[in-house]
Amino acid sequence: MTSDSTSRHPFRTLLIRAGISLAAIGGCYLLAGLAGIAPMTLETLGWSNIRIVSGLAIFGCLMAAVGYGDE
């Protein structure tokens, strides 16, 4: 069995790792906020924090997708 694996550029690896990390952090904080463990409201601004946390998770997914490219 032969493998045509090529090593990816270190910047792409960084994008993948950072993207997955951001998605995991955002997802965990979102679940913790929905469970009532973490605050989901920014008191000073008076609007829901769920958009910021969800945006962080989505941005992480996009970063990982760009890092994987055509693989």
C-alpha atoms as a PDB file:
ATOM      1  CA  MET A   1       0.000   0.000   0.000  1.00  0.00           C
ATOM      2  CA  THR A   2       1.527   3.266  -1.059  1.00  0.00           C
ATOM      3  CA  SER A   3       0.732   6.619   0.380  1.00  0.00           C
ATOM      4  CA  ASP A   4       0.722   9.841  -1.609  1.00  0.00           C
ATOM      5  CA  SER A   5       0.840  11.957   1.511  1.00  0.00           C
ATOM      6  CA  THR A   6       2.467  15.313   1.095  1.00  0.00           C
ATOM      7  CA  SER A   7       3.397  17.439   4.022  1.00  0.00           C
ATOM      8  CA  ARG A   8       1.362  20.586   4.366  1.00  0.00           C
ATOM      9  CA  HIS A   9       2.766  24.028   4.920  1.00  0.00           C
ATOM     10  CA  PRO A  10       3.243  24.944   8.613  1.00  0.00           C
ATOM     11  CA  PHE A  11       0.906  27.934   8.228  1.00  0.00           C
ATOM     12  CA  ARG A  12      -1.891  25.627   7.050  1.00  0.00           C
ATOM     13  CA  THR A  13      -1.269  23.369  10.036  1.00  0.00           C
ATOM     14  CA  LEU A  14      -1.461  26.417  12.300  1.00  0.00           C
ATOM     15  CA  LEU A  15      -4.765  27.449  10.697  1.00  0.00           C
ATOM     16  CA  ILE A  16      -6.206  23.976  11.203  1.00  0.00           C
ATOM     17  CA  ARG A  17      -5.133  23.716  14.840  1.00  0.00           C
ATOM     18  CA  ALA A  18      -6.191  27.258  15.731  1.00  0.00           C
ATOM     19  CA  GLY A  19      -9.515  26.823  13.934  1.00  0.00           C
ATOM     20  CA  ILE A  20     -10.387  23.585  15.665  1.00  0.00           C
ATOM     21  CA  SER A  21      -9.319  25.076  19.005  1.00  0.00           C
ATOM     22  CA  LEU A  22     -11.519  28.153  18.506  1.00  0.00           C
ATOM     23  CA  ALA A  23     -14.455  25.993  17.455  1.00  0.00           C
ATOM     24  CA  ALA A  24     -14.024  23.775  20.513  1.00  0.00           C
ATOM     25  CA  ILE A  25     -13.675  26.714  22.914  1.00  0.00           C
ATOM     26  CA  GLY A  26     -16.665  28.500  21.392  1.00  0.00           C
ATOM     27  CA  GLY A  27     -18.771  25.361  21.441  1.00  0.00           C
ATOM     28  CA  CYS A  28     -17.916  24.538  25.046  1.00  0.00           C
ATOM     29  CA  TYR A  29     -18.636  28.097  26.188  1.00  0.00           C
ATOM     30  CA  LEU A  30     -21.903  28.066  24.281  1.00  0.00           C
ATOM     31  CA  LEU A  31     -22.971  24.828  25.963  1.00  0.00           C
ATOM     32  CA  ALA A  32     -21.872  26.139  29.355  1.00  0.00           C
ATOM     33  CA  GLY A  33     -23.853  29.321  28.781  1.00  0.00           C
ATOM     34  CA  LEU A  34     -26.970  27.443  27.783  1.00  0.00           C
ATOM     35  CA  ALA A  35     -26.604  25.257  30.886  1.00  0.00           C
ATOM     36  CA  GLY A  36     -26.338  28.351  33.086  1.00  0.00           C
ATOM     37  CA  ILE A  37     -22.723  27.810  34.110  1.00  0.00           C
ATOM     38  CA  ALA A  38     -21.193  30.720  32.148  1.00  0.00           C
ATOM     39  CA  PRO A  39     -22.721  34.181  31.706  1.00  0.00           C
ATOM     40  CA  MET A  40     -24.333  34.745  28.314  1.00  0.00           C
ATOM     41  CA  THR A  41     -25.120  38.458  28.730  1.00  0.00           C
ATOM     42  CA  LEU A  42     -22.692  41.332  28.569  1.00  0.00           C
ATOM     43  CA  GLU A  43     -23.932  43.562  31.374  1.00  0.00           C
ATOM     44  CA  THR A  44     -22.301  46.742  30.121  1.00  0.00           C
ATOM     45  CA  LEU A  45     -23.701  46.476  26.598  1.00  0.00           C
ATOM     46  CA  GLY A  46     -26.997  44.876  27.519  1.00  0.00           C
ATOM     47  CA  TRP A  47     -27.151  42.444  24.594  1.00  0.00           C
ATOM     48  CA  SER A  48     -26.815  38.719  24.292  1.00  0.00           C
ATOM     49  CA  ASN A  49     -23.353  37.212  24.141  1.00  0.00           C
ATOM     50  CA  ILE A  50     -24.588  34.210  22.158  1.00  0.00           C
ATOM     51  CA  ARG A  51     -23.790  35.915  18.836  1.00  0.00           C
ATOM     52  CA  ILE A  52     -20.175  36.529  19.814  1.00  0.00           C
ATOM     53  CA  VAL A  53     -19.641  32.978  21.038  1.00  0.00           C
ATOM     54  CA  SER A  54     -21.379  31.440  18.035  1.00  0.00           C
ATOM     55  CA  GLY A  55     -19.386  33.685  15.717  1.00  0.00           C
ATOM     56  CA  LEU A  56     -16.185  32.507  17.360  1.00  0.00           C
ATOM     57  CA  ALA A  57     -17.120  28.873  16.774  1.00  0.00           C
ATOM     58  CA  ILE A  58     -18.098  29.542  13.151  1.00  0.00           C
ATOM     59  CA  PHE A  59     -14.874  31.493  12.549  1.00  0.00           C
ATOM     60  CA  GLY A  60     -12.922  28.536  13.929  1.00  0.00           C
ATOM     61  CA  CYS A  61     -14.681  26.165  11.545  1.00  0.00           C
ATOM     62  CA  LEU A  62     -13.909  28.467   8.612  1.00  0.00           C
ATOM     63  CA  MET A  63     -10.252  28.711   9.615  1.00  0.00           C
ATOM     64  CA  ALA A  64      -9.950  24.928   9.745  1.00  0.00           C
ATOM     65  CA  ALA A  65     -11.698  24.591   6.369  1.00  0.00           C
ATOM     66  CA  VAL A  66      -9.295  27.080   4.762  1.00  0.00           C
ATOM     67  CA  GLY A  67      -6.373  25.225   6.322  1.00  0.00           C
ATOM     68  CA  TYR A  68      -7.484  21.878   4.903  1.00  0.00           C
ATOM     69  CA  GLY A  69      -8.060  23.365   1.451  1.00  0.00           C
ATOM     70  CA  ASP A  70      -8.300  20.663  -1.235  1.00  0.00           C
ATOM     71  CA  GLU A  71      -7.225  17.734   0.942  1.00  0.00           C
END
